[in-house]
Amino acid sequence: MSEIRKDYFTKKLVIIPNVKDSGNNNSKFDNKKTTCPLCPGNEHMLNPADLIIVQKDQALIKITDEEVTNRTKNWNVKIVSEKNPIVSNKPNKVFSNEPLYNEPGNGEHYRVIVTPEHNETLGNIDVGQLVNSLSIIQDKIRGLYSQKHISYVILSVNYGSRSGAFTSHLYFDIIAIPKIPPVIEEEAKTFQKEFSEMGVCPMCKIINLEQEENKRIVLSTDNYIAFCPWASSYPYEFWIFPIKHETSFLKLTQKELQDLASIISSTIGGLEKISKDCSYNLIFHMSSEKKSTKQIHWHIEVYPRMQHEDSLGNRTDIYVNNILPEEAAKILSKHSTEVWAKQVGIDI
């Protein structure tokens, strides 16, 4: 069984997966298409798909592998439960007290295979394909929040050999856990305090400030703004925020998903132009759909993983960033705008 352990003194949490699964074959990065379990033709290497988008009669429909005789091969997007999950869906009720606190690591772990094509990235994928993925992700997360033991759902992308990914085939991780991550707790606490005292969302204030200064903006659309944060921990780190105040990714309309997919693809595409061996971690910071007091202005944070990284941050939580965020934003903006213009068919 998986377990969640808490640091002696801080709020840091550590998930320790089932020891029997710790030697899983997904731990080593493999760029070969022939051995990639996410590629069409290798369906036997995965669990049956939990949710699939397929094209039928010029329309996209959602099915599961249980609805067909054999594993679905002509798929557009699909979600599968992870064979070696970091959390366990088997009941476990073992708890211990401080200072050696631990609790059951009960939850669900799924992978969203964004495209059948092995070499597509968030920077070159068709925007409509990414919209399909985001739509099916919304459906899956809604279902996970209906389960009693789930308090929070983590949505992330690890891409590249230095990101923790096991393959270069593009996928999202969906990890449902019984705890709210400390970083979300802290953001929600700040939001609640400032909103009760000032009546204004602190994250909305930051968006307004970044728009006024216009020094760190990477790209903006009708609904979203991407910028390098003032105290960026990593070179070319950037965040994507809804411009208007929103707490839930699950409530986005199809039009908003289209706009979100466009800005994600454009900014990651810009990042790919900067780094030939592009590695990054992309994570959604979202409100818990169950805890009304744990609300934040939802957003996406992208952490590029360059060849030579500062190791001080992992030890002290004080980071060394050798690229000024304002300069990083200028370079990233140039490349991201080029990718965006190509998407919409504009010559610049």
Protein backbone atom coordinates (compact mmCIF):
# COMPACT_ATOMS: atom_id res chain seq x y z
CA MET A 1 0.00 0.00 0.00
CA SER A 2 1.13 3.56 -0.68
CA GLU A 3 1.50 5.96 2.21
CA ILE A 4 1.80 9.72 2.74
CA ARG A 5 4.41 10.90 5.23
CA LYS A 6 4.74 14.41 6.68
CA ASP A 7 8.01 16.16 7.47
CA TYR A 8 8.95 16.38 11.17
CA PHE A 9 8.42 20.14 11.38
CA THR A 10 7.16 21.60 8.09
CA LYS A 11 4.06 20.93 5.99
CA LYS A 12 6.07 19.06 3.35
CA LEU A 13 4.43 15.79 2.28
CA VAL A 14 6.09 12.76 0.71
CA ILE A 15 4.18 10.03 -1.13
CA ILE A 16 5.86 6.64 -0.82
CA PRO A 17 4.40 4.26 -3.43
CA ASN A 18 3.88 0.56 -2.86
CA VAL A 19 7.33 -0.93 -2.33
CA LYS A 20 6.45 -3.83 -4.63
CA ASP A 21 5.97 -1.36 -7.48
CA SER A 22 9.11 0.71 -6.85
CA GLY A 23 11.06 -1.16 -9.49
CA ASN A 24 8.57 -0.46 -12.27
CA ASN A 25 9.90 -0.21 -15.81
CA ASN A 26 8.56 3.31 -16.28
CA SER A 27 11.25 4.88 -14.11
CA LYS A 28 13.87 5.20 -16.88
CA PHE A 29 13.41 7.66 -19.74
CA ASP A 30 12.97 5.85 -23.07
CA ASN A 31 12.71 7.77 -26.34
CA LYS A 32 12.23 4.73 -28.58
CA LYS A 33 8.84 4.53 -30.31
CA THR A 34 9.05 0.73 -30.56
CA THR A 35 9.08 0.33 -26.77
CA CYS A 36 6.74 3.20 -25.89
CA PRO A 37 3.59 1.81 -24.22
CA LEU A 38 1.67 4.96 -25.15
CA CYS A 39 1.98 4.41 -28.91
CA PRO A 40 -0.75 2.73 -31.01
CA GLY A 41 0.01 -0.96 -31.39
CA ASN A 42 1.32 -1.25 -27.85
CA GLU A 43 -2.09 -1.24 -26.16
CA HIS A 44 -1.26 -4.61 -24.57
CA MET A 45 1.36 -2.86 -22.43
CA LEU A 46 -1.31 -0.73 -20.70
CA ASN A 47 -4.41 -1.27 -18.62
CA PRO A 48 -7.70 -1.12 -20.56
CA ALA A 49 -8.57 2.50 -21.38
CA ASP A 50 -10.86 4.18 -18.87
CA LEU A 51 -12.04 6.84 -21.32
CA ILE A 52 -11.36 7.24 -25.06
CA ILE A 53 -12.15 9.79 -27.75
CA VAL A 54 -12.56 8.20 -31.19
CA GLN A 55 -13.70 9.62 -34.50
CA LYS A 56 -16.82 8.03 -35.98
CA ASP A 57 -18.90 9.32 -38.89
CA GLN A 58 -17.01 12.65 -38.85
CA ALA A 59 -17.83 13.15 -35.17
CA LEU A 60 -15.87 12.61 -31.95
CA ILE A 61 -17.45 10.22 -29.45
CA LYS A 62 -16.38 9.02 -26.01
CA ILE A 63 -16.17 5.30 -25.21
CA THR A 64 -14.24 2.88 -22.98
CA ASP A 65 -12.32 -0.28 -23.83
CA GLU A 66 -15.08 -2.21 -22.05
CA GLU A 67 -17.52 -1.19 -24.78
CA VAL A 68 -15.59 -2.97 -27.55
CA THR A 69 -14.43 -6.56 -28.07
CA ASN A 70 -10.73 -5.73 -28.50
CA ARG A 71 -8.61 -2.83 -27.34
CA THR A 72 -9.50 0.34 -29.25
CA LYS A 73 -6.72 1.12 -31.73
CA ASN A 74 -7.98 4.05 -33.82
CA TRP A 75 -8.13 6.49 -30.91
CA ASN A 76 -7.75 10.25 -30.78
CA VAL A 77 -7.14 10.74 -27.03
CA LYS A 78 -7.37 8.21 -24.24
CA ILE A 79 -7.08 7.91 -20.46
CA VAL A 80 -5.64 4.80 -18.81
CA SER A 81 -5.10 3.91 -15.18
CA GLU A 82 -1.39 3.70 -14.38
CA LYS A 83 -0.08 0.14 -13.92
CA ASN A 84 2.36 1.27 -11.24
CA PRO A 85 0.49 4.13 -9.52
CA ILE A 86 2.17 6.33 -6.92
CA VAL A 87 -1.05 6.16 -4.87
CA SER A 88 -3.19 3.11 -4.19
CA ASN A 89 -6.88 2.55 -4.88
CA LYS A 90 -6.92 -0.31 -2.37
CA PRO A 91 -8.36 0.60 1.07
CA ASN A 92 -5.76 1.22 3.77
CA LYS A 93 -6.52 2.67 7.21
CA VAL A 94 -3.08 2.80 8.84
CA PHE A 95 -2.32 6.15 10.53
CA SER A 96 0.45 7.24 12.91
CA ASN A 97 0.94 10.32 15.09
CA GLU A 98 3.45 13.20 15.08
CA PRO A 99 6.39 13.47 14.77
CA LEU A 100 6.43 10.30 12.63
CA TYR A 101 3.11 11.10 11.00
CA ASN A 102 1.82 9.05 8.11
CA GLU A 103 -1.53 8.24 6.58
CA PRO A 104 -2.81 5.99 3.79
CA GLY A 105 -1.76 7.01 0.29
CA ASN A 106 -5.18 6.14 -1.08
CA GLY A 107 -6.12 7.66 -4.40
CA GLU A 108 -6.17 7.24 -8.18
CA HIS A 109 -3.45 7.68 -10.81
CA TYR A 110 -4.24 8.05 -14.53
CA ARG A 111 -2.34 9.00 -17.65
CA VAL A 112 -3.95 11.03 -20.44
CA ILE A 113 -2.34 10.14 -23.77
CA VAL A 114 -2.77 13.41 -25.65
CA THR A 115 -2.05 12.14 -29.15
CA PRO A 116 -1.36 8.86 -30.98
CA GLU A 117 1.74 10.46 -32.55
CA HIS A 118 4.95 9.74 -30.66
CA ASN A 119 6.89 12.87 -31.62
CA GLU A 120 4.25 15.55 -31.13
CA THR A 121 4.80 18.09 -28.34
CA LEU A 122 2.70 20.74 -26.64
CA GLY A 123 4.54 23.21 -28.84
CA ASN A 124 3.65 21.69 -32.21
CA ILE A 125 0.44 19.78 -31.53
CA ASP A 126 -2.74 20.75 -33.35
CA VAL A 127 -4.67 23.05 -31.01
CA GLY A 128 -7.91 21.12 -31.64
CA GLN A 129 -6.20 17.93 -30.49
CA LEU A 130 -5.15 19.63 -27.24
CA VAL A 131 -8.70 20.94 -26.76
CA ASN A 132 -9.99 17.36 -27.01
CA SER A 133 -7.53 16.32 -24.31
CA LEU A 134 -8.45 19.17 -21.97
CA SER A 135 -12.15 18.38 -22.45
CA ILE A 136 -11.75 14.69 -21.58
CA ILE A 137 -9.57 15.69 -18.62
CA GLN A 138 -12.42 17.85 -17.29
CA ASP A 139 -14.75 14.83 -17.47
CA LYS A 140 -12.30 12.60 -15.64
CA ILE A 141 -11.55 15.08 -12.86
CA ARG A 142 -15.27 15.66 -12.25
CA GLY A 143 -15.70 11.92 -11.80
CA LEU A 144 -12.77 11.69 -9.38
CA TYR A 145 -14.13 14.49 -7.19
CA SER A 146 -17.36 12.49 -6.79
CA GLN A 147 -15.41 9.91 -4.76
CA LYS A 148 -15.57 10.38 -0.99
CA HIS A 149 -11.89 9.76 -0.25
CA ILE A 150 -10.59 12.28 -2.81
CA SER A 151 -9.80 15.82 -1.58
CA TYR A 152 -7.64 17.08 -4.42
CA VAL A 153 -6.77 16.21 -8.02
CA ILE A 154 -3.30 17.07 -9.36
CA LEU A 155 -2.98 17.70 -13.10
CA SER A 156 0.49 17.97 -14.61
CA VAL A 157 2.75 17.37 -17.61
CA ASN A 158 6.34 16.16 -17.29
CA TYR A 159 8.14 16.41 -20.60
CA GLY A 160 11.74 15.74 -21.59
CA SER A 161 14.60 13.68 -20.23
CA ARG A 162 15.21 15.97 -17.22
CA SER A 163 11.57 16.29 -16.17
CA GLY A 164 10.88 12.90 -14.58
CA ALA A 165 8.99 11.65 -17.67
CA PHE A 166 9.55 8.03 -18.71
CA THR A 167 8.93 8.60 -22.44
CA SER A 168 8.93 11.47 -24.92
CA HIS A 169 5.36 10.58 -25.94
CA LEU A 170 3.19 13.47 -24.71
CA TYR A 171 0.92 12.71 -21.74
CA PHE A 172 -0.76 14.36 -18.74
CA ASP A 173 -0.71 12.84 -15.26
CA ILE A 174 -3.92 12.92 -13.21
CA ILE A 175 -3.28 12.03 -9.56
CA ALA A 176 -6.19 12.10 -7.10
CA ILE A 177 -5.17 12.24 -3.44
CA PRO A 178 -6.82 12.49 0.00
CA LYS A 179 -4.87 15.65 0.94
CA ILE A 180 -4.70 19.20 -0.40
CA PRO A 181 -1.07 19.96 -1.41
CA PRO A 182 0.70 22.40 0.97
CA VAL A 183 1.35 24.91 -1.85
CA ILE A 184 -2.38 25.07 -2.62
CA GLU A 185 -3.14 25.37 1.11
CA GLU A 186 -0.75 28.32 1.32
CA GLU A 187 -2.18 30.03 -1.78
CA ALA A 188 -5.73 29.54 -0.48
CA LYS A 189 -4.76 30.94 2.93
CA THR A 190 -3.28 34.07 1.32
CA PHE A 191 -6.33 34.46 -0.92
CA GLN A 192 -8.77 34.12 1.98
CA LYS A 193 -6.85 36.58 4.19
CA GLU A 194 -6.50 39.33 1.56
CA PHE A 195 -10.00 38.84 0.20
CA SER A 196 -11.53 39.16 3.68
CA GLU A 197 -9.40 42.23 4.52
CA MET A 198 -9.35 44.05 1.16
CA GLY A 199 -12.22 42.48 -0.78
CA VAL A 200 -9.90 41.80 -3.73
CA CYS A 201 -8.30 38.60 -5.02
CA PRO A 202 -4.50 38.99 -4.55
CA MET A 203 -3.86 37.08 -7.77
CA CYS A 204 -6.12 39.45 -9.71
CA LYS A 205 -3.99 42.30 -8.30
CA ILE A 206 -0.86 40.62 -9.64
CA ILE A 207 -2.41 40.23 -13.10
CA ASN A 208 -3.35 43.93 -13.14
CA LEU A 209 0.16 44.88 -12.00
CA GLU A 210 1.84 42.75 -14.66
CA GLN A 211 -0.42 44.22 -17.34
CA GLU A 212 0.39 47.78 -16.20
CA GLU A 213 4.16 47.23 -16.05
CA ASN A 214 4.24 45.08 -19.22
CA LYS A 215 7.84 44.04 -18.51
CA ARG A 216 7.36 40.34 -17.89
CA ILE A 217 4.41 39.47 -20.16
CA VAL A 218 5.12 36.62 -22.57
CA LEU A 219 1.77 36.44 -24.39
CA SER A 220 -1.85 37.39 -23.81
CA THR A 221 -5.12 36.37 -25.44
CA ASP A 222 -8.76 37.30 -24.94
CA ASN A 223 -9.00 35.16 -21.81
CA TYR A 224 -5.44 34.39 -20.61
CA ILE A 225 -2.14 36.04 -19.81
CA ALA A 226 1.27 34.35 -19.65
CA PHE A 227 4.12 36.08 -17.81
CA CYS A 228 7.45 35.35 -16.15
CA PRO A 229 6.91 35.87 -12.40
CA TRP A 230 8.83 38.59 -10.55
CA ALA A 231 10.76 36.05 -8.45
CA SER A 232 11.15 33.27 -11.02
CA SER A 233 12.87 30.23 -9.49
CA TYR A 234 13.98 28.81 -12.85
CA PRO A 235 15.26 30.34 -16.11
CA TYR A 236 12.31 31.03 -18.43
CA GLU A 237 9.75 29.99 -15.81
CA PHE A 238 6.32 31.35 -16.69
CA TRP A 239 2.75 31.22 -15.40
CA ILE A 240 -0.56 31.26 -17.30
CA PHE A 241 -3.56 32.89 -15.59
CA PRO A 242 -7.19 33.47 -16.60
CA ILE A 243 -7.48 37.25 -16.87
CA LYS A 244 -10.88 37.29 -15.19
CA HIS A 245 -11.26 35.78 -11.73
CA GLU A 246 -11.90 32.03 -11.99
CA THR A 247 -11.49 29.35 -9.34
CA SER A 248 -12.33 26.24 -11.36
CA PHE A 249 -10.72 24.80 -14.48
CA LEU A 250 -13.67 22.40 -14.68
CA LYS A 251 -16.11 25.21 -15.54
CA LEU A 252 -14.33 26.38 -18.69
CA THR A 253 -16.45 26.52 -21.83
CA GLN A 254 -15.35 25.01 -25.15
CA LYS A 255 -14.35 28.49 -26.36
CA GLU A 256 -12.25 29.08 -23.24
CA LEU A 257 -10.61 25.66 -23.65
CA GLN A 258 -9.74 26.61 -27.23
CA ASP A 259 -8.09 29.82 -26.04
CA LEU A 260 -6.29 27.99 -23.23
CA ALA A 261 -4.98 25.32 -25.60
CA SER A 262 -3.72 28.07 -27.93
CA ILE A 263 -1.73 29.93 -25.26
CA ILE A 264 -0.30 26.69 -23.81
CA SER A 265 0.84 25.53 -27.24
CA SER A 266 2.25 28.94 -28.19
CA THR A 267 4.25 29.48 -25.00
CA ILE A 268 5.59 25.92 -24.86
CA GLY A 269 6.39 26.26 -28.56
CA GLY A 270 8.36 29.40 -27.72
CA LEU A 271 10.20 27.53 -24.98
CA GLU A 272 11.06 24.75 -27.43
CA LYS A 273 12.68 27.31 -29.75
CA ILE A 274 14.96 28.42 -26.90
CA SER A 275 16.03 24.95 -25.76
CA LYS A 276 16.84 22.22 -28.29
CA ASP A 277 16.46 19.51 -25.64
CA CYS A 278 13.37 21.02 -24.05
CA SER A 279 12.43 19.59 -20.65
CA TYR A 280 9.84 21.09 -18.32
CA ASN A 281 7.27 20.45 -15.62
CA LEU A 282 3.85 22.01 -16.16
CA ILE A 283 1.37 21.90 -13.28
CA PHE A 284 -2.16 23.21 -12.82
CA HIS A 285 -2.80 25.07 -9.54
CA MET A 286 -6.54 24.63 -9.01
CA SER A 287 -9.05 25.02 -6.20
CA SER A 288 -10.30 21.91 -4.51
CA GLU A 289 -13.80 21.19 -5.80
CA LYS A 290 -14.76 19.93 -2.32
CA LYS A 291 -13.27 22.51 0.03
CA SER A 292 -15.11 25.83 -0.35
CA THR A 293 -12.58 27.55 1.95
CA LYS A 294 -9.62 26.38 -0.18
CA GLN A 295 -10.31 28.57 -3.19
CA ILE A 296 -7.64 30.17 -5.38
CA HIS A 297 -7.47 31.94 -8.73
CA TRP A 298 -6.59 28.83 -10.75
CA HIS A 299 -3.57 28.97 -13.03
CA ILE A 300 -0.74 26.99 -14.66
CA GLU A 301 2.93 27.14 -13.65
CA VAL A 302 5.68 25.99 -16.04
CA TYR A 303 9.17 25.14 -14.74
CA PRO A 304 11.75 24.62 -17.52
CA ARG A 305 14.51 22.14 -16.68
CA MET A 306 17.72 23.44 -18.22
CA GLN A 307 20.99 21.52 -18.57
CA HIS A 308 22.67 23.17 -15.58
CA GLU A 309 20.25 23.78 -12.74
CA ASP A 310 20.65 25.50 -9.42
CA SER A 311 20.72 22.83 -6.71
CA LEU A 312 20.58 25.29 -3.82
CA GLY A 313 16.80 25.63 -4.03
CA ASN A 314 16.10 21.98 -3.26
CA ARG A 315 18.16 22.28 -0.07
CA THR A 316 17.18 25.71 1.21
CA ASP A 317 14.14 26.87 -0.82
CA ILE A 318 16.31 29.81 -1.91
CA TYR A 319 16.83 29.66 -5.67
CA VAL A 320 19.53 31.09 -7.91
CA ASN A 321 18.25 32.20 -11.32
CA ASN A 322 20.91 33.45 -13.73
CA ILE A 323 18.43 34.94 -16.20
CA LEU A 324 16.56 38.11 -15.31
CA PRO A 325 12.79 37.39 -15.59
CA GLU A 326 12.31 40.56 -17.63
CA GLU A 327 14.94 39.42 -20.14
CA ALA A 328 13.54 35.88 -20.18
CA ALA A 329 10.05 37.25 -20.89
CA LYS A 330 11.36 39.34 -23.80
CA ILE A 331 13.03 36.33 -25.46
CA LEU A 332 10.17 33.94 -24.71
CA SER A 333 7.61 36.48 -25.93
CA LYS A 334 9.33 36.83 -29.30
CA HIS A 335 9.34 33.08 -29.96
CA SER A 336 5.86 32.46 -28.47
CA THR A 337 4.34 35.23 -30.59
CA GLU A 338 5.83 33.63 -33.70
CA VAL A 339 4.26 30.27 -32.82
CA TRP A 340 0.90 31.92 -32.04
CA ALA A 341 0.94 33.88 -35.33
CA LYS A 342 1.58 30.68 -37.25
CA GLN A 343 -1.39 29.05 -35.49
CA VAL A 344 -3.80 31.78 -36.52
CA GLY A 345 -2.28 32.35 -39.97
CA ILE A 346 -0.77 35.80 -39.45
CA ASP A 347 2.53 36.91 -40.98
CA ILE A 348 4.78 38.84 -38.59
